[in-house]
């Protein structure tokens, strides 16, 4: 774990916002997708990460919201649906600089008939 001195040496970063999020659901749990940018020898690259937000509760001792280390069984269906939606978003949304997936070539129709080998693009 980082000490206080190590934290002071790190440069401050801008607050990042998720590219897409689902929730918060009852109890504060949710799912978010972040777009990460990093530099490589080949140039700027992008990758996505999926983050689970913890369940939150009001502490009886301090009266403030705190993060729970676990989820309740009633939280699981919403989290599963949100994770599935986040995964589909990541798979179906191209990263910056990437071309969108070409449409299925079998569905290309010219003059009412599908012509093999004659793609209009």
PDB file of N, CA and C in Angstrom:
ATOM      1  N   UNK A   1       0.840  -1.165   0.000  1.00  0.00           N
ATOM      2  CA  UNK A   1       0.000   0.000   0.000  1.00  0.00           C
ATOM      3  C   UNK A   1       0.889   1.233   0.000  1.00  0.00           C
ATOM      4  N   UNK A   2       0.505   2.266  -0.730  1.00  0.00           N
ATOM      5  CA  UNK A   2       1.296   3.474  -0.854  1.00  0.00           C
ATOM      6  C   UNK A   2       1.261   4.274   0.442  1.00  0.00           C
ATOM      7  N   UNK A   3       2.424   4.802   0.795  1.00  0.00           N
ATOM      8  CA  UNK A   3       2.487   5.638   1.985  1.00  0.00           C
ATOM      9  C   UNK A   3       2.084   7.060   1.624  1.00  0.00           C
ATOM     10  N   UNK A   4       1.923   7.892   2.640  1.00  0.00           N
ATOM     11  CA  UNK A   4       1.519   9.278   2.404  1.00  0.00           C
ATOM     12  C   UNK A   4       2.571  10.015   1.590  1.00  0.00           C
ATOM     13  N   UNK A   5       3.862   9.762   1.860  1.00  0.00           N
ATOM     14  CA  UNK A   5       4.930  10.426   1.119  1.00  0.00           C
ATOM     15  C   UNK A   5       4.893  10.049  -0.357  1.00  0.00           C
ATOM     16  N   UNK A   6       4.626   8.774  -0.665  1.00  0.00           N
ATOM     17  CA  UNK A   6       4.546   8.332  -2.053  1.00  0.00           C
ATOM     18  C   UNK A   6       3.384   8.989  -2.769  1.00  0.00           C
ATOM     19  N   UNK A   7       2.259   9.147  -2.069  1.00  0.00           N
ATOM     20  CA  UNK A   7       1.095   9.783  -2.673  1.00  0.00           C
ATOM     21  C   UNK A   7       1.376  11.238  -3.013  1.00  0.00           C
ATOM     22  N   UNK A   8       2.165  11.919  -2.162  1.00  0.00           N
ATOM     23  CA  UNK A   8       2.486  13.321  -2.399  1.00  0.00           C
ATOM     24  C   UNK A   8       3.364  13.496  -3.621  1.00  0.00           C
ATOM     25  N   UNK A   9       4.204  12.515  -3.954  1.00  0.00           N
ATOM     26  CA  UNK A   9       5.136  12.609  -5.072  1.00  0.00           C
ATOM     27  C   UNK A   9       4.446  12.403  -6.415  1.00  0.00           C
ATOM     28  N   UNK A  10       3.316  11.713  -6.407  1.00  0.00           N
ATOM     29  CA  UNK A  10       2.616  11.431  -7.657  1.00  0.00           C
ATOM     30  C   UNK A  10       1.984  12.699  -8.212  1.00  0.00           C
ATOM     31  N   UNK A  11       2.091  12.894  -9.531  1.00  0.00           N
ATOM     32  CA  UNK A  11       1.417  14.064 -10.115  1.00  0.00           C
ATOM     33  C   UNK A  11      -0.103  13.871 -10.069  1.00  0.00           C
ATOM     34  N   UNK A  12      -0.812  14.973  -9.880  1.00  0.00           N
ATOM     35  CA  UNK A  12      -2.278  14.894  -9.848  1.00  0.00           C
ATOM     36  C   UNK A  12      -2.791  14.664 -11.251  1.00  0.00           C
ATOM     37  N   UNK A  13      -3.754  13.757 -11.346  1.00  0.00           N
ATOM     38  CA  UNK A  13      -4.378  13.476 -12.631  1.00  0.00           C
ATOM     39  C   UNK A  13      -5.770  14.084 -12.648  1.00  0.00           C
ATOM     40  N   UNK A  14      -6.229  14.380 -13.848  1.00  0.00           N
ATOM     41  CA  UNK A  14      -7.592  14.874 -13.987  1.00  0.00           C
ATOM     42  C   UNK A  14      -8.567  13.776 -13.588  1.00  0.00           C
ATOM     43  N   UNK A  15      -9.703  14.180 -13.049  1.00  0.00           N
ATOM     44  CA  UNK A  15     -10.721  13.202 -12.695  1.00  0.00           C
ATOM     45  C   UNK A  15     -11.265  12.598 -13.980  1.00  0.00           C
ATOM     46  N   UNK A  16     -11.252  11.285 -14.035  1.00  0.00           N
ATOM     47  CA  UNK A  16     -11.736  10.583 -15.224  1.00  0.00           C
ATOM     48  C   UNK A  16     -13.207  10.256 -15.058  1.00  0.00           C
ATOM     49  N   UNK A  17     -13.934  10.363 -16.135  1.00  0.00           N
ATOM     50  CA  UNK A  17     -15.348  10.005 -16.150  1.00  0.00           C
ATOM     51  C   UNK A  17     -15.530   8.756 -16.994  1.00  0.00           C
ATOM     52  N   UNK A  18     -16.491   7.920 -16.632  1.00  0.00           N
ATOM     53  CA  UNK A  18     -16.703   6.704 -17.422  1.00  0.00           C
ATOM     54  C   UNK A  18     -17.240   7.034 -18.811  1.00  0.00           C
ATOM     55  N   UNK A  19     -16.901   6.176 -19.739  1.00  0.00           N
ATOM     56  CA  UNK A  19     -17.427   6.301 -21.097  1.00  0.00           C
ATOM     57  C   UNK A  19     -18.912   5.936 -21.107  1.00  0.00           C
ATOM     58  N   UNK A  20     -19.275   4.989 -20.277  1.00  0.00           N
ATOM     59  CA  UNK A  20     -20.666   4.537 -20.167  1.00  0.00           C
ATOM     60  C   UNK A  20     -20.858   3.919 -18.796  1.00  0.00           C
ATOM     61  N   UNK A  21     -22.044   4.068 -18.200  1.00  0.00           N
ATOM     62  CA  UNK A  21     -22.278   3.433 -16.904  1.00  0.00           C
ATOM     63  C   UNK A  21     -23.710   2.934 -16.786  1.00  0.00           C
ATOM     64  N   UNK A  22     -23.877   1.941 -15.919  1.00  0.00           N
ATOM     65  CA  UNK A  22     -25.171   1.340 -15.617  1.00  0.00           C
ATOM     66  C   UNK A  22     -25.324   1.394 -14.105  1.00  0.00           C
ATOM     67  N   UNK A  23     -26.371   2.031 -13.635  1.00  0.00           N
ATOM     68  CA  UNK A  23     -26.596   2.180 -12.208  1.00  0.00           C
ATOM     69  C   UNK A  23     -26.436   3.632 -11.828  1.00  0.00           C
ATOM     70  N   UNK A  24     -26.410   3.993 -10.606  1.00  0.00           N
ATOM     71  CA  UNK A  24     -26.344   3.108  -9.457  1.00  0.00           C
ATOM     72  C   UNK A  24     -27.678   2.426  -9.185  1.00  0.00           C
ATOM     73  N   UNK A  25     -27.579   1.205  -8.740  1.00  0.00           N
ATOM     74  CA  UNK A  25     -28.757   0.436  -8.368  1.00  0.00           C
ATOM     75  C   UNK A  25     -28.996   0.616  -6.877  1.00  0.00           C
ATOM     76  N   UNK A  26     -30.040   0.006  -6.368  1.00  0.00           N
ATOM     77  CA  UNK A  26     -30.322   0.072  -4.936  1.00  0.00           C
ATOM     78  C   UNK A  26     -29.090  -0.382  -4.169  1.00  0.00           C
ATOM     79  N   UNK A  27     -28.687   0.373  -3.202  1.00  0.00           N
ATOM     80  CA  UNK A  27     -27.488   0.038  -2.440  1.00  0.00           C
ATOM     81  C   UNK A  27     -26.234   0.660  -3.012  1.00  0.00           C
ATOM     82  N   UNK A  28     -26.329   1.330  -4.154  1.00  0.00           N
ATOM     83  CA  UNK A  28     -25.183   2.030  -4.718  1.00  0.00           C
ATOM     84  C   UNK A  28     -24.313   1.240  -5.657  1.00  0.00           C
ATOM     85  N   UNK A  29     -24.586  -0.043  -5.843  1.00  0.00           N
ATOM     86  CA  UNK A  29     -23.753  -0.826  -6.756  1.00  0.00           C
ATOM     87  C   UNK A  29     -24.024  -0.391  -8.191  1.00  0.00           C
ATOM     88  N   UNK A  30     -23.073  -0.654  -9.052  1.00  0.00           N
ATOM     89  CA  UNK A  30     -23.215  -0.303 -10.459  1.00  0.00           C
ATOM     90  C   UNK A  30     -22.021  -0.802 -11.242  1.00  0.00           C
ATOM     91  N   UNK A  31     -22.055  -0.566 -12.543  1.00  0.00           N
ATOM     92  CA  UNK A  31     -20.990  -0.987 -13.450  1.00  0.00           C
ATOM     93  C   UNK A  31     -20.662   0.187 -14.361  1.00  0.00           C
ATOM     94  N   UNK A  32     -19.378   0.393 -14.616  1.00  0.00           N
ATOM     95  CA  UNK A  32     -18.944   1.474 -15.494  1.00  0.00           C
ATOM     96  C   UNK A  32     -17.865   0.962 -16.441  1.00  0.00           C
ATOM     97  N   UNK A  33     -17.822   1.550 -17.638  1.00  0.00           N
ATOM     98  CA  UNK A  33     -16.791   1.246 -18.627  1.00  0.00           C
ATOM     99  C   UNK A  33     -15.949   2.498 -18.806  1.00  0.00           C
ATOM    100  N   UNK A  34     -14.641   2.342 -18.642  1.00  0.00           N
ATOM    101  CA  UNK A  34     -13.712   3.444 -18.822  1.00  0.00           C
ATOM    102  C   UNK A  34     -12.889   3.216 -20.078  1.00  0.00           C
ATOM    103  N   UNK A  35     -12.610   4.293 -20.798  1.00  0.00           N
ATOM    104  CA  UNK A  35     -11.731   4.255 -21.959  1.00  0.00           C
ATOM    105  C   UNK A  35     -10.349   4.694 -21.488  1.00  0.00           C
ATOM    106  N   UNK A  36      -9.367   3.820 -21.623  1.00  0.00           N
ATOM    107  CA  UNK A  36      -8.002   4.098 -21.180  1.00  0.00           C
ATOM    108  C   UNK A  36      -7.128   4.415 -22.383  1.00  0.00           C
ATOM    109  N   UNK A  37      -6.319   5.436 -22.270  1.00  0.00           N
ATOM    110  CA  UNK A  37      -5.416   5.864 -23.340  1.00  0.00           C
ATOM    111  C   UNK A  37      -3.990   5.743 -22.830  1.00  0.00           C
ATOM    112  N   UNK A  38      -3.097   5.167 -23.638  1.00  0.00           N
ATOM    113  CA  UNK A  38      -1.705   5.061 -23.247  1.00  0.00           C
ATOM    114  C   UNK A  38      -0.819   5.165 -24.475  1.00  0.00           C
ATOM    115  N   UNK A  39       0.404   5.592 -24.249  1.00  0.00           N
ATOM    116  CA  UNK A  39       1.360   5.802 -25.327  1.00  0.00           C
ATOM    117  C   UNK A  39       2.282   4.594 -25.455  1.00  0.00           C
ATOM    118  N   UNK A  40       2.493   4.154 -26.694  1.00  0.00           N
ATOM    119  CA  UNK A  40       3.437   3.079 -26.985  1.00  0.00           C
ATOM    120  C   UNK A  40       4.387   3.553 -28.073  1.00  0.00           C
ATOM    121  N   UNK A  41       5.344   2.715 -28.417  1.00  0.00           N
ATOM    122  CA  UNK A  41       6.273   3.052 -29.496  1.00  0.00           C
ATOM    123  C   UNK A  41       5.537   3.187 -30.829  1.00  0.00           C
ATOM    124  N   UNK A  42       4.390   2.513 -30.968  1.00  0.00           N
ATOM    125  CA  UNK A  42       3.607   2.584 -32.203  1.00  0.00           C
ATOM    126  C   UNK A  42       2.620   3.748 -32.186  1.00  0.00           C
ATOM    127  N   UNK A  43       2.561   4.513 -31.114  1.00  0.00           N
ATOM    128  CA  UNK A  43       1.641   5.648 -31.033  1.00  0.00           C
ATOM    129  C   UNK A  43       0.626   5.456 -29.919  1.00  0.00           C
ATOM    130  N   UNK A  44      -0.401   6.286 -29.948  1.00  0.00           N
ATOM    131  CA  UNK A  44      -1.434   6.227 -28.922  1.00  0.00           C
ATOM    132  C   UNK A  44      -2.305   5.003 -29.116  1.00  0.00           C
ATOM    133  N   UNK A  45      -2.538   4.273 -28.035  1.00  0.00           N
ATOM    134  CA  UNK A  45      -3.376   3.073 -28.062  1.00  0.00           C
ATOM    135  C   UNK A  45      -4.503   3.261 -27.057  1.00  0.00           C
ATOM    136  N   UNK A  46      -5.583   2.513 -27.261  1.00  0.00           N
ATOM    137  CA  UNK A  46      -6.736   2.591 -26.380  1.00  0.00           C
ATOM    138  C   UNK A  46      -7.155   1.192 -25.936  1.00  0.00           C
ATOM    139  N   UNK A  47      -7.707   1.124 -24.748  1.00  0.00           N
ATOM    140  CA  UNK A  47      -8.269  -0.110 -24.225  1.00  0.00           C
ATOM    141  C   UNK A  47      -9.386   0.276 -23.262  1.00  0.00           C
ATOM    142  N   UNK A  48     -10.313  -0.627 -23.075  1.00  0.00           N
ATOM    143  CA  UNK A  48     -11.416  -0.377 -22.150  1.00  0.00           C
ATOM    144  C   UNK A  48     -11.258  -1.247 -20.916  1.00  0.00           C
ATOM    145  N   UNK A  49     -11.796  -0.747 -19.801  1.00  0.00           N
ATOM    146  CA  UNK A  49     -11.844  -1.528 -18.575  1.00  0.00           C
ATOM    147  C   UNK A  49     -13.242  -1.412 -17.985  1.00  0.00           C
ATOM    148  N   UNK A  50     -13.665  -2.486 -17.333  1.00  0.00           N
ATOM    149  CA  UNK A  50     -14.989  -2.534 -16.709  1.00  0.00           C
ATOM    150  C   UNK A  50     -14.781  -2.514 -15.199  1.00  0.00           C
ATOM    151  N   UNK A  51     -15.494  -1.609 -14.537  1.00  0.00           N
ATOM    152  CA  UNK A  51     -15.337  -1.424 -13.097  1.00  0.00           C
ATOM    153  C   UNK A  51     -16.670  -1.688 -12.406  1.00  0.00           C
ATOM    154  N   UNK A  52     -16.614  -2.486 -11.339  1.00  0.00           N
ATOM    155  CA  UNK A  52     -17.792  -2.721 -10.496  1.00  0.00           C
ATOM    156  C   UNK A  52     -17.763  -1.728  -9.341  1.00  0.00           C
ATOM    157  N   UNK A  53     -18.838  -0.972  -9.185  1.00  0.00           N
ATOM    158  CA  UNK A  53     -18.932  -0.058  -8.048  1.00  0.00           C
ATOM    159  C   UNK A  53     -19.371  -0.858  -6.832  1.00  0.00           C
ATOM    160  N   UNK A  54     -18.772  -0.606  -5.687  1.00  0.00           N
ATOM    161  CA  UNK A  54     -19.136  -1.370  -4.497  1.00  0.00           C
ATOM    162  C   UNK A  54     -20.521  -0.982  -3.971  1.00  0.00           C
ATOM    163  N   UNK A  55     -21.084  -1.905  -3.226  1.00  0.00           N
ATOM    164  CA  UNK A  55     -22.328  -1.601  -2.534  1.00  0.00           C
ATOM    165  C   UNK A  55     -21.996  -0.598  -1.440  1.00  0.00           C
ATOM    166  N   UNK A  56     -22.892   0.348  -1.185  1.00  0.00           N
ATOM    167  CA  UNK A  56     -22.651   1.378  -0.177  1.00  0.00           C
ATOM    168  C   UNK A  56     -23.652   1.219   0.958  1.00  0.00           C
ATOM    169  N   UNK A  57     -23.244   1.620   2.146  1.00  0.00           N
ATOM    170  CA  UNK A  57     -24.151   1.593   3.285  1.00  0.00           C
ATOM    171  C   UNK A  57     -23.837   2.760   4.207  1.00  0.00           C
ATOM    172  N   UNK A  58     -24.804   3.143   5.008  1.00  0.00           N
ATOM    173  CA  UNK A  58     -24.641   4.233   5.959  1.00  0.00           C
ATOM    174  C   UNK A  58     -24.089   3.665   7.262  1.00  0.00           C
ATOM    175  N   UNK A  59     -22.910   4.115   7.636  1.00  0.00           N
ATOM    176  CA  UNK A  59     -22.256   3.621   8.846  1.00  0.00           C
ATOM    177  C   UNK A  59     -22.982   4.145  10.083  1.00  0.00           C
ATOM    178  N   UNK A  60     -23.269   3.241  11.015  1.00  0.00           N
ATOM    179  CA  UNK A  60     -23.910   3.643  12.268  1.00  0.00           C
ATOM    180  C   UNK A  60     -22.930   4.412  13.161  1.00  0.00           C
ATOM    181  N   UNK A  61     -21.639   4.117  13.018  1.00  0.00           N
ATOM    182  CA  UNK A  61     -20.635   4.770  13.859  1.00  0.00           C
ATOM    183  C   UNK A  61     -20.364   6.211  13.423  1.00  0.00           C
ATOM    184  N   UNK A  62     -20.146   6.408  12.126  1.00  0.00           N
ATOM    185  CA  UNK A  62     -19.760   7.735  11.639  1.00  0.00           C
ATOM    186  C   UNK A  62     -20.920   8.500  11.011  1.00  0.00           C
ATOM    187  N   UNK A  63     -21.964   7.792  10.598  1.00  0.00           N
ATOM    188  CA  UNK A  63     -23.083   8.441   9.920  1.00  0.00           C
ATOM    189  C   UNK A  63     -22.792   8.780   8.468  1.00  0.00           C
ATOM    190  N   UNK A  64     -21.686   8.263   7.929  1.00  0.00           N
ATOM    191  CA  UNK A  64     -21.301   8.525   6.541  1.00  0.00           C
ATOM    192  C   UNK A  64     -21.428   7.262   5.702  1.00  0.00           C
ATOM    193  N   UNK A  65     -21.504   7.458   4.383  1.00  0.00           N
ATOM    194  CA  UNK A  65     -21.562   6.312   3.483  1.00  0.00           C
ATOM    195  C   UNK A  65     -20.199   5.630   3.416  1.00  0.00           C
ATOM    196  N   UNK A  66     -20.217   4.315   3.457  1.00  0.00           N
ATOM    197  CA  UNK A  66     -18.997   3.521   3.343  1.00  0.00           C
ATOM    198  C   UNK A  66     -19.200   2.428   2.311  1.00  0.00           C
ATOM    199  N   UNK A  67     -18.082   1.942   1.755  1.00  0.00           N
ATOM    200  CA  UNK A  67     -18.123   0.857   0.779  1.00  0.00           C
ATOM    201  C   UNK A  67     -18.167  -0.477   1.502  1.00  0.00           C
ATOM    202  N   UNK A  68     -19.018  -1.377   1.004  1.00  0.00           N
ATOM    203  CA  UNK A  68     -19.090  -2.733   1.550  1.00  0.00           C
ATOM    204  C   UNK A  68     -18.125  -3.622   0.782  1.00  0.00           C
ATOM    205  N   UNK A  69     -17.659  -4.645   1.416  1.00  0.00           N
ATOM    206  CA  UNK A  69     -16.734  -5.577   0.777  1.00  0.00           C
ATOM    207  C   UNK A  69     -17.435  -6.718   0.060  1.00  0.00           C
ATOM    208  N   UNK A  70     -18.759  -6.720   0.079  1.00  0.00           N
ATOM    209  CA  UNK A  70     -19.504  -7.811  -0.542  1.00  0.00           C
ATOM    210  C   UNK A  70     -20.823  -7.285  -1.093  1.00  0.00           C
ATOM    211  N   UNK A  71     -21.510  -8.159  -1.823  1.00  0.00           N
ATOM    212  CA  UNK A  71     -22.829  -7.834  -2.371  1.00  0.00           C
ATOM    213  C   UNK A  71     -23.860  -8.747  -1.734  1.00  0.00           C
ATOM    214  N   UNK A  72     -25.087  -8.299  -1.708  1.00  0.00           N
ATOM    215  CA  UNK A  72     -26.186  -9.122  -1.215  1.00  0.00           C
ATOM    216  C   UNK A  72     -26.743  -9.936  -2.375  1.00  0.00           C
ATOM    217  N   UNK A  73     -27.408 -11.042  -2.073  1.00  0.00           N
ATOM    218  CA  UNK A  73     -28.000 -11.845  -3.150  1.00  0.00           C
ATOM    219  C   UNK A  73     -28.972 -11.049  -4.025  1.00  0.00           C
ATOM    220  N   UNK A  74     -29.662 -10.060  -3.456  1.00  0.00           N
ATOM    221  CA  UNK A  74     -30.604  -9.267  -4.259  1.00  0.00           C
ATOM    222  C   UNK A  74     -29.878  -8.328  -5.216  1.00  0.00           C
ATOM    223  N   UNK A  75     -28.576  -8.061  -4.991  1.00  0.00           N
ATOM    224  CA  UNK A  75     -27.794  -7.190  -5.873  1.00  0.00           C
ATOM    225  C   UNK A  75     -27.337  -7.917  -7.138  1.00  0.00           C
ATOM    226  N   UNK A  76     -27.222  -9.229  -7.056  1.00  0.00           N
ATOM    227  CA  UNK A  76     -26.588 -10.014  -8.122  1.00  0.00           C
ATOM    228  C   UNK A  76     -27.310  -9.919  -9.468  1.00  0.00           C
ATOM    229  N   UNK A  77     -28.649 -10.041  -9.561  1.00  0.00           N
ATOM    230  CA  UNK A  77     -29.287  -9.961 -10.878  1.00  0.00           C
ATOM    231  C   UNK A  77     -29.022  -8.637 -11.605  1.00  0.00           C
ATOM    232  N   UNK A  78     -29.090  -7.525 -10.896  1.00  0.00           N
ATOM    233  CA  UNK A  78     -28.842  -6.231 -11.528  1.00  0.00           C
ATOM    234  C   UNK A  78     -27.394  -6.114 -11.984  1.00  0.00           C
ATOM    235  N   UNK A  79     -26.464  -6.592 -11.163  1.00  0.00           N
ATOM    236  CA  UNK A  79     -25.050  -6.531 -11.531  1.00  0.00           C
ATOM    237  C   UNK A  79     -24.766  -7.420 -12.732  1.00  0.00           C
ATOM    238  N   UNK A  80     -25.379  -8.602 -12.775  1.00  0.00           N
ATOM    239  CA  UNK A  80     -25.179  -9.504 -13.920  1.00  0.00           C
ATOM    240  C   UNK A  80     -25.683  -8.872 -15.215  1.00  0.00           C
ATOM    241  N   UNK A  81     -26.863  -8.266 -15.170  1.00  0.00           N
ATOM    242  CA  UNK A  81     -27.393  -7.602 -16.365  1.00  0.00           C
ATOM    243  C   UNK A  81     -26.505  -6.438 -16.787  1.00  0.00           C
ATOM    244  N   UNK A  82     -26.030  -5.674 -15.812  1.00  0.00           N
ATOM    245  CA  UNK A  82     -25.158  -4.544 -16.122  1.00  0.00           C
ATOM    246  C   UNK A  82     -23.822  -5.019 -16.696  1.00  0.00           C
ATOM    247  N   UNK A  83     -23.266  -6.094 -16.150  1.00  0.00           N
ATOM    248  CA  UNK A  83     -22.018  -6.648 -16.691  1.00  0.00           C
ATOM    249  C   UNK A  83     -22.193  -7.141 -18.117  1.00  0.00           C
ATOM    250  N   UNK A  84     -23.332  -7.780 -18.391  1.00  0.00           N
ATOM    251  CA  UNK A  84     -23.605  -8.248 -19.743  1.00  0.00           C
ATOM    252  C   UNK A  84     -23.720  -7.058 -20.696  1.00  0.00           C
ATOM    253  N   UNK A  85     -24.408  -6.010 -20.281  1.00  0.00           N
ATOM    254  CA  UNK A  85     -24.541  -4.816 -21.122  1.00  0.00           C
ATOM    255  C   UNK A  85     -23.183  -4.152 -21.332  1.00  0.00           C
ATOM    256  N   UNK A  86     -22.358  -4.095 -20.297  1.00  0.00           N
ATOM    257  CA  UNK A  86     -21.027  -3.506 -20.418  1.00  0.00           C
ATOM    258  C   UNK A  86     -20.158  -4.316 -21.382  1.00  0.00           C
ATOM    259  N   UNK A  87     -20.242  -5.630 -21.291  1.00  0.00           N
ATOM    260  CA  UNK A  87     -19.472  -6.487 -22.197  1.00  0.00           C
ATOM    261  C   UNK A  87     -19.915  -6.281 -23.641  1.00  0.00           C
ATOM    262  N   UNK A  88     -21.213  -6.252 -23.875  1.00  0.00           N
ATOM    263  CA  UNK A  88     -21.728  -6.020 -25.227  1.00  0.00           C
ATOM    264  C   UNK A  88     -21.293  -4.658 -25.753  1.00  0.00           C
ATOM    265  N   UNK A  89     -21.298  -3.634 -24.894  1.00  0.00           N
ATOM    266  CA  UNK A  89     -20.836  -2.306 -25.295  1.00  0.00           C
ATOM    267  C   UNK A  89     -19.378  -2.357 -25.733  1.00  0.00           C
ATOM    268  N   UNK A  90     -18.534  -3.031 -24.949  1.00  0.00           N
ATOM    269  CA  UNK A  90     -17.112  -3.129 -25.270  1.00  0.00           C
ATOM    270  C   UNK A  90     -16.860  -3.893 -26.568  1.00  0.00           C
ATOM    271  N   UNK A  91     -17.622  -4.934 -26.791  1.00  0.00           N
ATOM    272  CA  UNK A  91     -17.435  -5.754 -27.986  1.00  0.00           C
ATOM    273  C   UNK A  91     -17.954  -5.037 -29.238  1.00  0.00           C
ATOM    274  N   UNK A  92     -19.060  -4.325 -29.112  1.00  0.00           N
ATOM    275  CA  UNK A  92     -19.718  -3.734 -30.280  1.00  0.00           C
ATOM    276  C   UNK A  92     -19.335  -2.297 -30.578  1.00  0.00           C
ATOM    277  N   UNK A  93     -18.621  -1.620 -29.695  1.00  0.00           N
ATOM    278  CA  UNK A  93     -18.244  -0.229 -29.911  1.00  0.00           C
ATOM    279  C   UNK A  93     -16.766  -0.165 -30.264  1.00  0.00           C
ATOM    280  N   UNK A  94     -16.434   0.331 -31.456  1.00  0.00           N
ATOM    281  CA  UNK A  94     -15.020   0.384 -31.832  1.00  0.00           C
ATOM    282  C   UNK A  94     -14.258   1.394 -30.978  1.00  0.00           C
ATOM    283  N   UNK A  95     -12.995   1.106 -30.741  1.00  0.00           N
ATOM    284  CA  UNK A  95     -12.131   2.031 -30.033  1.00  0.00           C
ATOM    285  C   UNK A  95     -11.802   3.212 -30.940  1.00  0.00           C
ATOM    286  N   UNK A  96     -11.430   4.357 -30.389  1.00  0.00           N
ATOM    287  CA  UNK A  96     -11.052   5.489 -31.232  1.00  0.00           C
ATOM    288  C   UNK A  96      -9.946   5.095 -32.201  1.00  0.00           C
ATOM    289  N   UNK A  97     -10.092   5.484 -33.432  1.00  0.00           N
ATOM    290  CA  UNK A  97      -9.109   5.158 -34.460  1.00  0.00           C
ATOM    291  C   UNK A  97      -9.334   3.830 -35.146  1.00  0.00           C
ATOM    292  N   UNK A  98     -10.259   3.021 -34.647  1.00  0.00           N
ATOM    293  CA  UNK A  98     -10.572   1.743 -35.285  1.00  0.00           C
ATOM    294  C   UNK A  98     -11.790   1.912 -36.167  1.00  0.00           C
ATOM    295  N   UNK A  99     -11.774   1.233 -37.288  1.00  0.00           N
ATOM    296  CA  UNK A  99     -12.928   1.263 -38.171  1.00  0.00           C
ATOM    297  C   UNK A  99     -14.027   0.376 -37.600  1.00  0.00           C
ATOM    298  N   UNK A 100     -15.258   0.730 -37.880  1.00  0.00           N
ATOM    299  CA  UNK A 100     -16.381  -0.101 -37.460  1.00  0.00           C
ATOM    300  C   UNK A 100     -16.339  -1.401 -38.249  1.00  0.00           C
ATOM    301  N   UNK A 101     -16.896  -2.447 -37.677  1.00  0.00           N
ATOM    302  CA  UNK A 101     -16.941  -3.741 -38.355  1.00  0.00           C
ATOM    303  C   UNK A 101     -17.752  -3.609 -39.646  1.00  0.00           C
ATOM    304  N   UNK A 102     -17.245  -4.169 -40.756  1.00  0.00           N
ATOM    305  CA  UNK A 102     -18.033  -4.121 -41.983  1.00  0.00           C
ATOM    306  C   UNK A 102     -19.282  -4.989 -41.836  1.00  0.00           C
ATOM    307  N   UNK A 103     -20.334  -4.581 -42.508  1.00  0.00           N
ATOM    308  CA  UNK A 103     -21.569  -5.365 -42.449  1.00  0.00           C
ATOM    309  C   UNK A 103     -21.327  -6.721 -43.089  1.00  0.00           C
ATOM    310  N   UNK A 104     -22.156  -7.654 -42.730  1.00  0.00           N
ATOM    311  CA  UNK A 104     -22.063  -9.003 -43.274  1.00  0.00           C
ATOM    312  C   UNK A 104     -22.198  -8.927 -44.793  1.00  0.00           C
ATOM    313  N   UNK A 105     -21.195  -9.416 -45.506  1.00  0.00           N
ATOM    314  CA  UNK A 105     -21.199  -9.297 -46.964  1.00  0.00           C
ATOM    315  C   UNK A 105     -22.321 -10.089 -47.615  1.00  0.00           C
ATOM    316  N   UNK A 106     -22.851 -11.112 -46.947  1.00  0.00           N
ATOM    317  CA  UNK A 106     -23.949 -11.886 -47.521  1.00  0.00           C
ATOM    318  C   UNK A 106     -25.215 -11.057 -47.647  1.00  0.00           C
ATOM    319  N   UNK A 107     -25.333  -9.992 -46.865  1.00  0.00           N
ATOM    320  CA  UNK A 107     -26.555  -9.192 -46.904  1.00  0.00           C
ATOM    321  C   UNK A 107     -26.495  -8.082 -47.943  1.00  0.00           C
ATOM    322  N   UNK A 108     -25.354  -7.950 -48.640  1.00  0.00           N
ATOM    323  CA  UNK A 108     -25.249  -6.917 -49.659  1.00  0.00           C
ATOM    324  C   UNK A 108     -26.062  -7.331 -50.876  1.00  0.00           C
ATOM    325  N   UNK A 109     -26.955  -6.467 -51.293  1.00  0.00           N
ATOM    326  CA  UNK A 109     -27.834  -6.775 -52.411  1.00  0.00           C
ATOM    327  C   UNK A 109     -27.704  -5.669 -53.460  1.00  0.00           C
ATOM    328  N   UNK A 110     -27.512  -6.063 -54.714  1.00  0.00           N
ATOM    329  CA  UNK A 110     -27.427  -5.111 -55.816  1.00  0.00           C
ATOM    330  C   UNK A 110     -28.530  -5.422 -56.809  1.00  0.00           C
ATOM    331  N   UNK A 111     -29.343  -4.442 -57.147  1.00  0.00           N
ATOM    332  CA  UNK A 111     -30.453  -4.594 -58.090  1.00  0.00           C
ATOM    333  C   UNK A 111     -31.392  -5.731 -57.692  1.00  0.00           C
ATOM    334  N   UNK A 112     -31.610  -5.900 -56.412  1.00  0.00           N
ATOM    335  CA  UNK A 112     -32.550  -6.905 -55.955  1.00  0.00           C
ATOM    336  C   UNK A 112     -31.991  -8.308 -55.864  1.00  0.00           C
ATOM    337  N   UNK A 113     -30.754  -8.532 -56.346  1.00  0.00           N
ATOM    338  CA  UNK A 113     -30.154  -9.863 -56.287  1.00  0.00           C
ATOM    339  C   UNK A 113     -28.780  -9.775 -55.622  1.00  0.00           C
ATOM    340  N   UNK A 114     -28.482 -10.751 -54.799  1.00  0.00           N
ATOM    341  CA  UNK A 114     -27.154 -10.818 -54.203  1.00  0.00           C
ATOM    342  C   UNK A 114     -26.197 -11.345 -55.244  1.00  0.00           C
ATOM    343  N   UNK A 115     -25.107 -10.644 -55.448  1.00  0.00           N
ATOM    344  CA  UNK A 115     -24.123 -11.063 -56.451  1.00  0.00           C
ATOM    345  C   UNK A 115     -22.810 -11.385 -55.742  1.00  0.00           C
ATOM    346  N   UNK A 116     -22.397 -12.628 -55.816  1.00  0.00           N
ATOM    347  CA  UNK A 116     -21.135 -13.036 -55.196  1.00  0.00           C
ATOM    348  C   UNK A 116     -19.973 -12.386 -55.912  1.00  0.00           C
ATOM    349  N   UNK A 117     -19.029 -11.829 -55.152  1.00  0.00           N
ATOM    350  CA  UNK A 117     -17.851 -11.235 -55.747  1.00  0.00           C
ATOM    351  C   UNK A 117     -18.060  -9.823 -56.249  1.00  0.00           C
ATOM    352  N   UNK A 118     -19.276  -9.307 -56.245  1.00  0.00           N
ATOM    353  CA  UNK A 118     -19.542  -7.950 -56.736  1.00  0.00           C
ATOM    354  C   UNK A 118     -20.002  -7.088 -55.554  1.00  0.00           C
ATOM    355  N   UNK A 119     -19.048  -6.666 -54.756  1.00  0.00           N
ATOM    356  CA  UNK A 119     -19.353  -5.863 -53.588  1.00  0.00           C
ATOM    357  C   UNK A 119     -19.257  -4.387 -53.982  1.00  0.00           C
ATOM    358  N   UNK A 120     -20.284  -3.594 -53.686  1.00  0.00           N
ATOM    359  CA  UNK A 120     -20.310  -2.218 -54.160  1.00  0.00           C
ATOM    360  C   UNK A 120     -19.366  -1.261 -53.428  1.00  0.00           C
ATOM    361  N   UNK A 121     -18.479  -1.748 -52.568  1.00  0.00           N
ATOM    362  CA  UNK A 121     -17.545  -0.833 -51.883  1.00  0.00           C
ATOM    363  C   UNK A 121     -16.152  -1.345 -51.892  1.00  0.00           C
TER     364      UNK A 121
END
